[in-house]
Amino acid sequence: MIPQIDQQLNTPYGVLMFAPPFTKMREDIGRVTQKAIGSAENGAVYNHAGAFYIWSLYKLGNQPDRAYTHLRQMIPGPSEADYFQRGQLPVYIPNYYRGGWREFPRTAGRSSQLFNTGTVSWVYRCVIEGLCGLRGDDDGLWVRPQLPSTWDRMRVTRVFRGATFVVEVRRGDVDTVVVKVGDLILHEPKVTDFRAGETVKVEVVVPQ
């Protein structure tokens, strides 16, 4: 499925809902066909759905580059040409970017300028729990970063259950994720011994 998504739905602005977009009303299909070509649910880069796709890539655990690429595509820039094409600065993530990338390249990528979306909460989860790998469960905080291949290191701070985790991640000569808290190397990449109000410094080494 992933190769077909790459081939048929990927654009410089994110992944399309579907392609090509409907160009006229279809009574047998309904509401989606009433939307303007490449707008909203009619074949747009619908960011809320895109965030679900990114989350699924991180859940697979072996797609860090593809997941990060799509995550970065949601945010306008960094080129001036991209800002002008989208008609938006990188200060928020809109409901959608216009689709029809192959059929209507002049307007493709144009921001909807709409704030009525739950996208950012899922993007936050993709960043914190997917990219940074800091995922809580009932008795602790898992630490399983998924760095894109072009990154050698990362530093992230997360407040979790009242404790502040300062996490330094780097690549090293290891076969699996190694997590160290103070002088203690954990037997699994999960921090369980912490208290509210405490600052926990975590060193993480991930494979090259």
N, C-alpha and C. Protein backbone atom coordinates (compact mmCIF):
# COMPACT_ATOMS: atom_id res chain seq x y z
N MET A 1 0.81 -1.21 0.00
CA MET A 1 0.00 0.00 0.00
C MET A 1 0.86 1.28 0.00
N ILE A 2 1.93 1.28 0.80
CA ILE A 2 2.75 2.48 0.92
C ILE A 2 3.34 2.92 -0.43
N PRO A 3 3.89 1.99 -1.25
CA PRO A 3 4.40 2.42 -2.56
C PRO A 3 3.32 3.07 -3.43
N GLN A 4 2.08 2.58 -3.35
CA GLN A 4 1.01 3.18 -4.14
C GLN A 4 0.62 4.56 -3.63
N ILE A 5 0.66 4.74 -2.31
CA ILE A 5 0.42 6.07 -1.75
C ILE A 5 1.50 7.03 -2.23
N ASP A 6 2.76 6.57 -2.19
CA ASP A 6 3.86 7.41 -2.69
C ASP A 6 3.65 7.78 -4.15
N GLN A 7 3.24 6.82 -4.94
CA GLN A 7 3.14 7.03 -6.39
C GLN A 7 1.92 7.87 -6.77
N GLN A 8 0.78 7.61 -6.14
CA GLN A 8 -0.46 8.21 -6.61
C GLN A 8 -0.96 9.40 -5.78
N LEU A 9 -0.57 9.48 -4.51
CA LEU A 9 -1.16 10.48 -3.63
C LEU A 9 -0.17 11.48 -3.05
N ASN A 10 1.11 11.21 -3.15
CA ASN A 10 2.09 12.13 -2.55
C ASN A 10 2.23 13.41 -3.37
N THR A 11 2.34 14.55 -2.68
CA THR A 11 2.57 15.85 -3.31
C THR A 11 3.59 16.61 -2.47
N PRO A 12 4.10 17.74 -2.95
CA PRO A 12 5.01 18.54 -2.12
C PRO A 12 4.35 19.12 -0.87
N TYR A 13 3.02 19.04 -0.79
CA TYR A 13 2.28 19.66 0.31
C TYR A 13 1.68 18.64 1.27
N GLY A 14 1.93 17.36 1.02
CA GLY A 14 1.37 16.30 1.84
C GLY A 14 0.66 15.26 0.99
N VAL A 15 -0.02 14.35 1.65
CA VAL A 15 -0.69 13.24 0.98
C VAL A 15 -2.15 13.59 0.69
N LEU A 16 -2.58 13.37 -0.54
CA LEU A 16 -3.96 13.64 -0.93
C LEU A 16 -4.92 12.64 -0.30
N MET A 17 -6.16 13.08 -0.07
CA MET A 17 -7.21 12.16 0.40
C MET A 17 -7.45 11.07 -0.64
N PHE A 18 -7.53 11.47 -1.90
CA PHE A 18 -7.65 10.55 -3.02
C PHE A 18 -7.35 11.34 -4.29
N ALA A 19 -7.18 10.64 -5.39
CA ALA A 19 -6.92 11.31 -6.67
C ALA A 19 -7.47 10.44 -7.80
N PRO A 20 -7.94 11.08 -8.87
CA PRO A 20 -8.12 12.53 -9.02
C PRO A 20 -9.37 13.00 -8.27
N PRO A 21 -9.51 14.32 -8.07
CA PRO A 21 -10.71 14.84 -7.40
C PRO A 21 -11.93 14.76 -8.32
N PHE A 22 -13.11 14.73 -7.71
CA PHE A 22 -14.35 14.78 -8.50
C PHE A 22 -14.48 16.16 -9.14
N THR A 23 -15.01 16.19 -10.37
CA THR A 23 -15.16 17.46 -11.09
C THR A 23 -16.61 17.89 -11.25
N LYS A 24 -17.54 17.04 -10.81
CA LYS A 24 -18.96 17.40 -10.87
C LYS A 24 -19.74 16.56 -9.86
N MET A 25 -20.96 16.97 -9.60
CA MET A 25 -21.81 16.29 -8.65
C MET A 25 -22.16 14.88 -9.12
N ARG A 26 -22.09 13.92 -8.17
CA ARG A 26 -22.52 12.55 -8.42
C ARG A 26 -23.56 12.19 -7.37
N GLU A 27 -24.80 12.04 -7.79
CA GLU A 27 -25.89 11.74 -6.86
C GLU A 27 -25.65 10.42 -6.12
N ASP A 28 -25.04 9.45 -6.81
CA ASP A 28 -24.85 8.14 -6.20
C ASP A 28 -23.72 8.13 -5.18
N ILE A 29 -22.91 9.18 -5.16
CA ILE A 29 -21.81 9.27 -4.20
C ILE A 29 -22.13 10.27 -3.09
N GLY A 30 -22.60 11.46 -3.48
CA GLY A 30 -23.07 12.39 -2.46
C GLY A 30 -22.19 13.60 -2.20
N ARG A 31 -22.18 14.02 -0.94
CA ARG A 31 -21.67 15.33 -0.50
C ARG A 31 -20.26 15.66 -0.97
N VAL A 32 -19.36 14.68 -0.93
CA VAL A 32 -17.97 14.97 -1.26
C VAL A 32 -17.84 15.51 -2.69
N THR A 33 -18.74 15.09 -3.58
CA THR A 33 -18.65 15.53 -4.98
C THR A 33 -19.17 16.94 -5.18
N GLN A 34 -19.81 17.52 -4.15
CA GLN A 34 -20.28 18.90 -4.23
C GLN A 34 -19.17 19.90 -3.92
N LYS A 35 -18.12 19.43 -3.29
CA LYS A 35 -17.02 20.31 -2.93
C LYS A 35 -16.27 20.77 -4.18
N ALA A 36 -15.71 21.97 -4.11
CA ALA A 36 -14.90 22.47 -5.23
C ALA A 36 -13.75 21.50 -5.50
N ILE A 37 -13.32 21.46 -6.74
CA ILE A 37 -12.29 20.51 -7.16
C ILE A 37 -11.02 20.69 -6.32
N GLY A 38 -10.61 19.62 -5.65
CA GLY A 38 -9.39 19.65 -4.85
C GLY A 38 -9.52 20.36 -3.52
N SER A 39 -10.74 20.68 -3.10
CA SER A 39 -10.91 21.35 -1.81
C SER A 39 -11.54 20.41 -0.79
N ALA A 40 -11.25 20.67 0.47
CA ALA A 40 -11.81 19.90 1.59
C ALA A 40 -11.67 18.40 1.34
N GLU A 41 -12.78 17.67 1.51
CA GLU A 41 -12.70 16.21 1.36
C GLU A 41 -12.57 15.76 -0.08
N ASN A 42 -12.74 16.65 -1.04
CA ASN A 42 -12.68 16.27 -2.45
C ASN A 42 -11.25 16.29 -2.99
N GLY A 43 -10.46 15.34 -2.50
CA GLY A 43 -9.12 15.17 -3.05
C GLY A 43 -8.11 16.19 -2.61
N ALA A 44 -8.34 16.85 -1.48
CA ALA A 44 -7.37 17.81 -0.96
C ALA A 44 -6.29 17.09 -0.16
N VAL A 45 -5.24 17.85 0.20
CA VAL A 45 -4.31 17.40 1.23
C VAL A 45 -4.99 17.73 2.56
N TYR A 46 -5.78 16.79 3.04
CA TYR A 46 -6.61 17.00 4.23
C TYR A 46 -5.76 16.66 5.45
N ASN A 47 -5.30 17.68 6.15
CA ASN A 47 -4.23 17.50 7.13
C ASN A 47 -4.58 16.59 8.30
N HIS A 48 -5.83 16.61 8.73
CA HIS A 48 -6.20 15.72 9.84
C HIS A 48 -6.01 14.26 9.43
N ALA A 49 -6.48 13.92 8.24
CA ALA A 49 -6.28 12.55 7.73
C ALA A 49 -4.80 12.26 7.51
N GLY A 50 -4.07 13.27 7.03
CA GLY A 50 -2.63 13.12 6.83
C GLY A 50 -1.90 12.80 8.12
N ALA A 51 -2.35 13.42 9.21
CA ALA A 51 -1.73 13.16 10.52
C ALA A 51 -1.96 11.71 10.95
N PHE A 52 -3.15 11.17 10.64
CA PHE A 52 -3.41 9.76 10.95
C PHE A 52 -2.44 8.86 10.17
N TYR A 53 -2.19 9.22 8.91
CA TYR A 53 -1.26 8.42 8.10
C TYR A 53 0.15 8.49 8.68
N ILE A 54 0.59 9.68 9.07
CA ILE A 54 1.91 9.83 9.67
C ILE A 54 2.01 9.01 10.95
N TRP A 55 0.96 9.06 11.77
CA TRP A 55 0.96 8.28 13.00
C TRP A 55 1.09 6.78 12.70
N SER A 56 0.39 6.32 11.67
CA SER A 56 0.48 4.89 11.32
C SER A 56 1.89 4.52 10.88
N LEU A 57 2.59 5.44 10.19
CA LEU A 57 3.98 5.18 9.78
C LEU A 57 4.88 5.07 11.00
N TYR A 58 4.69 5.94 11.98
CA TYR A 58 5.50 5.85 13.20
C TYR A 58 5.17 4.57 13.98
N LYS A 59 3.90 4.16 13.97
CA LYS A 59 3.54 2.93 14.67
C LYS A 59 4.20 1.70 14.04
N LEU A 60 4.43 1.75 12.72
CA LEU A 60 5.12 0.64 12.07
C LEU A 60 6.53 0.48 12.63
N GLY A 61 7.16 1.61 12.96
CA GLY A 61 8.47 1.57 13.60
C GLY A 61 9.65 1.47 12.66
N ASN A 62 9.40 1.38 11.36
CA ASN A 62 10.51 1.25 10.40
C ASN A 62 10.39 2.24 9.24
N GLN A 63 9.65 3.33 9.47
CA GLN A 63 9.43 4.32 8.41
C GLN A 63 9.78 5.74 8.89
N PRO A 64 10.90 5.95 9.58
CA PRO A 64 11.17 7.28 10.13
C PRO A 64 11.35 8.36 9.07
N ASP A 65 11.97 8.04 7.96
CA ASP A 65 12.18 9.04 6.92
C ASP A 65 10.87 9.44 6.25
N ARG A 66 10.07 8.46 5.90
CA ARG A 66 8.79 8.74 5.24
C ARG A 66 7.87 9.52 6.19
N ALA A 67 7.82 9.11 7.44
CA ALA A 67 6.97 9.79 8.41
C ALA A 67 7.40 11.24 8.59
N TYR A 68 8.71 11.47 8.73
CA TYR A 68 9.18 12.84 8.94
C TYR A 68 8.95 13.69 7.69
N THR A 69 9.16 13.12 6.52
CA THR A 69 8.92 13.87 5.28
C THR A 69 7.50 14.40 5.23
N HIS A 70 6.52 13.55 5.52
CA HIS A 70 5.12 13.98 5.49
C HIS A 70 4.80 14.96 6.62
N LEU A 71 5.44 14.78 7.75
CA LEU A 71 5.26 15.71 8.86
C LEU A 71 5.75 17.10 8.47
N ARG A 72 6.91 17.14 7.84
CA ARG A 72 7.49 18.43 7.43
C ARG A 72 6.68 19.08 6.32
N GLN A 73 6.08 18.27 5.44
CA GLN A 73 5.28 18.82 4.35
C GLN A 73 4.06 19.59 4.85
N MET A 74 3.60 19.30 6.05
CA MET A 74 2.44 20.00 6.59
C MET A 74 2.74 21.46 6.92
N ILE A 75 4.01 21.77 7.12
CA ILE A 75 4.40 23.10 7.57
C ILE A 75 4.95 23.89 6.39
N PRO A 76 4.39 25.06 6.07
CA PRO A 76 4.87 25.84 4.94
C PRO A 76 6.35 26.19 5.06
N GLY A 77 7.00 26.33 3.88
CA GLY A 77 8.40 26.73 3.85
C GLY A 77 9.31 25.52 3.68
N PRO A 78 10.64 25.77 3.79
CA PRO A 78 11.25 27.05 4.16
C PRO A 78 11.51 28.00 2.98
N SER A 79 11.17 27.60 1.76
CA SER A 79 11.46 28.47 0.62
C SER A 79 10.38 29.54 0.46
N GLU A 80 10.78 30.67 -0.09
CA GLU A 80 9.82 31.76 -0.34
C GLU A 80 8.77 31.31 -1.35
N ALA A 81 9.19 30.53 -2.35
CA ALA A 81 8.25 30.04 -3.36
C ALA A 81 7.14 29.21 -2.72
N ASP A 82 7.49 28.40 -1.72
CA ASP A 82 6.48 27.58 -1.06
C ASP A 82 5.51 28.45 -0.25
N TYR A 83 6.03 29.48 0.42
CA TYR A 83 5.15 30.40 1.16
C TYR A 83 4.13 31.04 0.22
N PHE A 84 4.60 31.48 -0.94
CA PHE A 84 3.70 32.13 -1.90
C PHE A 84 2.69 31.15 -2.48
N GLN A 85 3.14 29.93 -2.78
CA GLN A 85 2.21 28.94 -3.35
C GLN A 85 1.11 28.58 -2.35
N ARG A 86 1.49 28.41 -1.11
CA ARG A 86 0.49 28.04 -0.09
C ARG A 86 -0.31 29.25 0.38
N GLY A 87 0.29 30.44 0.26
CA GLY A 87 -0.40 31.63 0.73
C GLY A 87 -0.52 31.68 2.24
N GLN A 88 0.49 31.14 2.91
CA GLN A 88 0.43 31.05 4.37
C GLN A 88 1.82 30.96 4.97
N LEU A 89 2.01 31.60 6.11
CA LEU A 89 3.25 31.47 6.87
C LEU A 89 3.14 30.28 7.82
N PRO A 90 4.28 29.78 8.31
CA PRO A 90 4.26 28.56 9.15
C PRO A 90 3.90 28.86 10.61
N VAL A 91 2.75 29.46 10.82
CA VAL A 91 2.33 29.79 12.19
C VAL A 91 1.18 28.89 12.67
N TYR A 92 0.60 28.11 11.78
CA TYR A 92 -0.43 27.15 12.15
C TYR A 92 -0.57 26.13 11.02
N ILE A 93 -1.27 25.05 11.30
CA ILE A 93 -1.55 24.03 10.28
C ILE A 93 -3.03 24.13 9.93
N PRO A 94 -3.34 24.41 8.68
CA PRO A 94 -4.75 24.62 8.30
C PRO A 94 -5.51 23.31 8.15
N ASN A 95 -6.79 23.44 7.95
CA ASN A 95 -7.66 22.28 7.71
C ASN A 95 -7.18 21.47 6.51
N TYR A 96 -6.82 22.16 5.43
CA TYR A 96 -6.33 21.44 4.25
C TYR A 96 -5.55 22.38 3.34
N TYR A 97 -4.77 21.77 2.44
CA TYR A 97 -4.16 22.45 1.30
C TYR A 97 -4.86 21.94 0.04
N ARG A 98 -5.01 22.80 -0.95
CA ARG A 98 -5.72 22.40 -2.18
C ARG A 98 -5.04 21.21 -2.84
N GLY A 99 -5.87 20.31 -3.38
CA GLY A 99 -5.37 19.14 -4.09
C GLY A 99 -5.36 19.38 -5.59
N GLY A 100 -5.56 18.32 -6.35
CA GLY A 100 -5.48 18.42 -7.81
C GLY A 100 -4.09 18.82 -8.26
N TRP A 101 -3.08 18.26 -7.60
CA TRP A 101 -1.70 18.67 -7.85
C TRP A 101 -1.28 18.44 -9.30
N ARG A 102 -1.68 17.33 -9.87
CA ARG A 102 -1.33 17.05 -11.27
C ARG A 102 -2.28 17.75 -12.24
N GLU A 103 -3.56 17.82 -11.87
CA GLU A 103 -4.57 18.37 -12.78
C GLU A 103 -4.61 19.90 -12.76
N PHE A 104 -4.37 20.50 -11.58
CA PHE A 104 -4.48 21.95 -11.42
C PHE A 104 -3.29 22.49 -10.62
N PRO A 105 -2.08 22.42 -11.18
CA PRO A 105 -0.88 22.79 -10.42
C PRO A 105 -0.85 24.25 -9.98
N ARG A 106 -1.56 25.13 -10.69
CA ARG A 106 -1.51 26.56 -10.33
C ARG A 106 -2.09 26.82 -8.94
N THR A 107 -3.14 26.09 -8.58
CA THR A 107 -3.78 26.30 -7.28
C THR A 107 -3.46 25.21 -6.26
N ALA A 108 -2.80 24.16 -6.67
CA ALA A 108 -2.47 23.07 -5.74
C ALA A 108 -1.58 23.59 -4.62
N GLY A 109 -1.86 23.13 -3.42
CA GLY A 109 -1.08 23.54 -2.26
C GLY A 109 -1.58 24.77 -1.56
N ARG A 110 -2.56 25.46 -2.15
CA ARG A 110 -3.10 26.69 -1.55
C ARG A 110 -3.76 26.38 -0.21
N SER A 111 -3.40 27.14 0.82
CA SER A 111 -3.96 26.92 2.15
C SER A 111 -5.44 27.27 2.20
N SER A 112 -6.19 26.49 2.97
CA SER A 112 -7.61 26.78 3.17
C SER A 112 -7.81 27.95 4.13
N GLN A 113 -6.76 28.30 4.87
CA GLN A 113 -6.82 29.37 5.87
C GLN A 113 -7.87 29.08 6.95
N LEU A 114 -8.20 27.83 7.15
CA LEU A 114 -9.23 27.44 8.12
C LEU A 114 -8.58 26.85 9.37
N PHE A 115 -9.07 27.31 10.54
CA PHE A 115 -8.53 26.82 11.80
C PHE A 115 -9.37 25.68 12.39
N ASN A 116 -10.54 25.41 11.80
CA ASN A 116 -11.47 24.44 12.39
C ASN A 116 -11.02 23.01 12.10
N THR A 117 -9.98 22.59 12.79
CA THR A 117 -9.41 21.27 12.57
C THR A 117 -8.76 20.77 13.85
N GLY A 118 -8.79 19.46 14.02
CA GLY A 118 -8.10 18.84 15.15
C GLY A 118 -6.72 18.35 14.78
N THR A 119 -6.20 18.82 13.65
CA THR A 119 -4.92 18.34 13.14
C THR A 119 -3.79 18.48 14.14
N VAL A 120 -3.67 19.64 14.76
CA VAL A 120 -2.47 19.93 15.54
C VAL A 120 -2.30 19.00 16.73
N SER A 121 -3.39 18.53 17.32
CA SER A 121 -3.25 17.60 18.44
C SER A 121 -2.63 16.28 17.98
N TRP A 122 -2.99 15.84 16.78
CA TRP A 122 -2.40 14.62 16.25
C TRP A 122 -0.97 14.85 15.77
N VAL A 123 -0.69 16.03 15.24
CA VAL A 123 0.69 16.35 14.85
C VAL A 123 1.57 16.38 16.09
N TYR A 124 1.05 16.96 17.18
CA TYR A 124 1.80 16.96 18.45
C TYR A 124 2.12 15.53 18.88
N ARG A 125 1.14 14.66 18.79
CA ARG A 125 1.37 13.27 19.16
C ARG A 125 2.40 12.61 18.25
N CYS A 126 2.32 12.90 16.95
CA CYS A 126 3.31 12.37 16.01
C CYS A 126 4.72 12.82 16.36
N VAL A 127 4.86 14.10 16.74
CA VAL A 127 6.17 14.64 17.08
C VAL A 127 6.68 14.05 18.39
N ILE A 128 5.86 14.13 19.46
CA ILE A 128 6.32 13.72 20.78
C ILE A 128 6.43 12.21 20.92
N GLU A 129 5.40 11.47 20.51
CA GLU A 129 5.40 10.03 20.71
C GLU A 129 6.01 9.26 19.54
N GLY A 130 5.96 9.85 18.33
CA GLY A 130 6.52 9.18 17.16
C GLY A 130 7.96 9.56 16.92
N LEU A 131 8.19 10.78 16.49
CA LEU A 131 9.54 11.26 16.19
C LEU A 131 10.45 11.19 17.41
N CYS A 132 10.00 11.77 18.53
CA CYS A 132 10.82 11.79 19.75
C CYS A 132 10.73 10.49 20.53
N GLY A 133 9.67 9.73 20.30
CA GLY A 133 9.55 8.41 20.92
C GLY A 133 9.22 8.42 22.39
N LEU A 134 8.68 9.52 22.92
CA LEU A 134 8.38 9.63 24.35
C LEU A 134 6.91 9.32 24.58
N ARG A 135 6.62 8.07 24.88
CA ARG A 135 5.23 7.62 25.00
C ARG A 135 4.97 7.04 26.38
N GLY A 136 3.98 7.60 27.05
CA GLY A 136 3.66 7.13 28.39
C GLY A 136 2.72 5.94 28.38
N ASP A 137 2.83 5.12 29.42
CA ASP A 137 1.81 4.10 29.68
C ASP A 137 1.51 4.12 31.17
N ASP A 138 0.88 3.07 31.70
CA ASP A 138 0.39 3.14 33.07
C ASP A 138 1.48 3.22 34.13
N ASP A 139 2.71 2.79 33.82
CA ASP A 139 3.74 2.81 34.86
C ASP A 139 5.06 3.47 34.45
N GLY A 140 5.07 4.23 33.36
CA GLY A 140 6.31 4.91 33.02
C GLY A 140 6.29 5.56 31.66
N LEU A 141 7.49 5.96 31.22
CA LEU A 141 7.66 6.66 29.94
C LEU A 141 8.60 5.86 29.05
N TRP A 142 8.07 5.36 27.95
CA TRP A 142 8.90 4.68 26.95
C TRP A 142 9.73 5.71 26.20
N VAL A 143 10.95 5.32 25.84
CA VAL A 143 11.87 6.21 25.11
C VAL A 143 12.36 5.45 23.88
N ARG A 144 11.72 5.69 22.75
CA ARG A 144 12.06 5.00 21.51
C ARG A 144 12.06 5.99 20.35
N PRO A 145 13.06 6.86 20.26
CA PRO A 145 13.09 7.87 19.19
C PRO A 145 13.17 7.23 17.81
N GLN A 146 12.60 7.92 16.82
CA GLN A 146 12.69 7.48 15.43
C GLN A 146 13.24 8.64 14.60
N LEU A 147 14.55 8.84 14.70
CA LEU A 147 15.19 9.94 13.98
C LEU A 147 15.20 9.67 12.48
N PRO A 148 14.94 10.70 11.67
CA PRO A 148 15.17 10.55 10.23
C PRO A 148 16.66 10.32 9.98
N SER A 149 16.98 9.67 8.89
CA SER A 149 18.37 9.25 8.64
C SER A 149 19.34 10.42 8.52
N THR A 150 18.85 11.61 8.22
CA THR A 150 19.72 12.78 8.08
C THR A 150 20.05 13.44 9.42
N TRP A 151 19.43 12.99 10.49
CA TRP A 151 19.68 13.56 11.82
C TRP A 151 20.67 12.68 12.58
N ASP A 152 21.66 13.32 13.21
CA ASP A 152 22.61 12.61 14.06
C ASP A 152 22.25 12.70 15.53
N ARG A 153 21.50 13.74 15.90
CA ARG A 153 21.16 13.93 17.31
C ARG A 153 19.90 14.75 17.45
N MET A 154 19.38 14.78 18.66
CA MET A 154 18.17 15.54 18.95
C MET A 154 18.11 15.78 20.45
N ARG A 155 17.55 16.91 20.84
CA ARG A 155 17.33 17.20 22.26
C ARG A 155 15.87 17.60 22.42
N VAL A 156 15.22 17.03 23.41
CA VAL A 156 13.80 17.31 23.62
C VAL A 156 13.50 17.33 25.11
N THR A 157 12.57 18.20 25.50
CA THR A 157 12.09 18.26 26.89
C THR A 157 10.60 17.96 26.90
N ARG A 158 10.20 17.05 27.78
CA ARG A 158 8.78 16.75 27.93
C ARG A 158 8.41 16.71 29.41
N VAL A 159 7.33 17.39 29.76
CA VAL A 159 6.77 17.29 31.10
C VAL A 159 5.76 16.15 31.09
N PHE A 160 6.00 15.17 31.97
CA PHE A 160 5.16 13.97 32.01
C PHE A 160 4.85 13.62 33.45
N ARG A 161 3.58 13.63 33.80
CA ARG A 161 3.11 13.35 35.16
C ARG A 161 3.85 14.17 36.21
N GLY A 162 4.05 15.45 35.86
CA GLY A 162 4.64 16.39 36.81
C GLY A 162 6.15 16.41 36.83
N ALA A 163 6.80 15.45 36.18
CA ALA A 163 8.26 15.42 36.11
C ALA A 163 8.71 15.99 34.77
N THR A 164 9.88 16.63 34.77
CA THR A 164 10.43 17.20 33.55
C THR A 164 11.54 16.29 33.03
N PHE A 165 11.32 15.74 31.86
CA PHE A 165 12.31 14.86 31.23
C PHE A 165 13.12 15.66 30.20
N VAL A 166 14.43 15.71 30.40
CA VAL A 166 15.34 16.35 29.45
C VAL A 166 16.10 15.23 28.75
N VAL A 167 15.81 15.05 27.48
CA VAL A 167 16.28 13.87 26.76
C VAL A 167 17.27 14.27 25.67
N GLU A 168 18.46 13.69 25.72
CA GLU A 168 19.49 13.89 24.70
C GLU A 168 19.61 12.60 23.90
N VAL A 169 19.42 12.71 22.59
CA VAL A 169 19.47 11.53 21.72
C VAL A 169 20.62 11.70 20.74
N ARG A 170 21.41 10.65 20.56
CA ARG A 170 22.48 10.68 19.55
C ARG A 170 22.62 9.29 18.93
N ARG A 171 23.25 9.27 17.78
CA ARG A 171 23.52 7.99 17.13
C ARG A 171 24.84 7.42 17.68
N GLY A 172 24.92 6.11 17.73
CA GLY A 172 26.13 5.47 18.23
C GLY A 172 26.24 4.04 17.76
N ASP A 173 27.29 3.38 18.19
CA ASP A 173 27.58 2.01 17.77
C ASP A 173 26.80 1.02 18.65
N VAL A 174 25.50 0.99 18.43
CA VAL A 174 24.62 0.08 19.18
C VAL A 174 23.69 -0.63 18.19
N ASP A 175 23.13 -1.74 18.64
CA ASP A 175 22.21 -2.50 17.79
C ASP A 175 20.76 -2.18 18.08
N THR A 176 20.50 -1.63 19.25
CA THR A 176 19.14 -1.27 19.64
C THR A 176 19.19 -0.01 20.50
N VAL A 177 18.05 0.54 20.84
CA VAL A 177 18.01 1.77 21.62
C VAL A 177 18.55 1.50 23.03
N VAL A 178 19.51 2.33 23.46
CA VAL A 178 20.08 2.24 24.80
C VAL A 178 19.72 3.51 25.56
N VAL A 179 19.11 3.34 26.74
CA VAL A 179 18.66 4.48 27.54
C VAL A 179 19.40 4.49 28.88
N LYS A 180 19.94 5.65 29.22
CA LYS A 180 20.71 5.82 30.46
C LYS A 180 20.12 6.96 31.27
N VAL A 181 19.85 6.72 32.55
CA VAL A 181 19.38 7.75 33.47
C VAL A 181 20.42 7.85 34.59
N GLY A 182 21.11 9.00 34.67
CA GLY A 182 22.22 9.10 35.61
C GLY A 182 23.32 8.13 35.19
N ASP A 183 23.73 7.26 36.12
CA ASP A 183 24.76 6.26 35.81
C ASP A 183 24.16 4.90 35.47
N LEU A 184 22.84 4.84 35.44
CA LEU A 184 22.17 3.56 35.27
C LEU A 184 21.70 3.36 33.83
N ILE A 185 22.16 2.29 33.20
CA ILE A 185 21.65 1.89 31.89
C ILE A 185 20.43 1.00 32.11
N LEU A 186 19.30 1.40 31.58
CA LEU A 186 18.06 0.69 31.83
C LEU A 186 18.00 -0.62 31.04
N HIS A 187 17.38 -1.65 31.62
CA HIS A 187 17.30 -2.95 30.95
C HIS A 187 16.32 -2.94 29.80
N GLU A 188 15.42 -1.93 29.77
CA GLU A 188 14.53 -1.70 28.63
C GLU A 188 14.38 -0.18 28.49
N PRO A 189 14.00 0.31 27.30
CA PRO A 189 13.95 1.76 27.09
C PRO A 189 12.71 2.40 27.71
N LYS A 190 12.61 2.32 29.04
CA LYS A 190 11.43 2.81 29.73
C LYS A 190 11.84 3.32 31.10
N VAL A 191 11.47 4.58 31.40
CA VAL A 191 11.79 5.19 32.68
C VAL A 191 10.58 5.05 33.60
N THR A 192 10.79 4.40 34.74
CA THR A 192 9.68 4.18 35.69
C THR A 192 9.93 4.83 37.04
N ASP A 193 11.18 5.10 37.37
CA ASP A 193 11.52 5.62 38.70
C ASP A 193 11.65 7.14 38.64
N PHE A 194 10.56 7.84 38.85
CA PHE A 194 10.57 9.30 38.86
C PHE A 194 9.40 9.80 39.70
N ARG A 195 9.50 11.09 40.10
CA ARG A 195 8.46 11.69 40.93
C ARG A 195 8.07 13.05 40.36
N ALA A 196 6.87 13.48 40.63
CA ALA A 196 6.41 14.81 40.22
C ALA A 196 7.33 15.87 40.83
N GLY A 197 7.67 16.88 40.02
CA GLY A 197 8.55 17.95 40.46
C GLY A 197 10.02 17.69 40.18
N GLU A 198 10.34 16.47 39.81
CA GLU A 198 11.72 16.08 39.56
C GLU A 198 12.12 16.38 38.12
N THR A 199 13.41 16.69 37.90
CA THR A 199 13.96 16.80 36.56
C THR A 199 14.79 15.55 36.28
N VAL A 200 14.41 14.84 35.25
CA VAL A 200 15.07 13.58 34.91
C VAL A 200 15.88 13.77 33.63
N LYS A 201 17.20 13.60 33.74
CA LYS A 201 18.07 13.72 32.57
C LYS A 201 18.28 12.33 31.97
N VAL A 202 17.95 12.23 30.70
CA VAL A 202 17.97 10.93 30.02
C VAL A 202 18.92 11.02 28.82
N GLU A 203 19.85 10.07 28.74
CA GLU A 203 20.74 9.96 27.58
C GLU A 203 20.31 8.75 26.76
N VAL A 204 20.19 8.96 25.46
CA VAL A 204 19.71 7.89 24.58
C VAL A 204 20.68 7.72 23.41
N VAL A 205 21.04 6.49 23.14
CA VAL A 205 21.86 6.17 21.97
C VAL A 205 21.03 5.27 21.06
N VAL A 206 20.93 5.66 19.80
CA VAL A 206 20.17 4.87 18.82
C VAL A 206 21.13 4.36 17.75
N PRO A 207 20.78 3.30 17.05
CA PRO A 207 21.67 2.75 16.02
C PRO A 207 22.01 3.77 14.93
N GLN A 208 23.18 3.58 14.32
CA GLN A 208 23.63 4.45 13.24
C GLN A 208 22.69 4.37 12.05
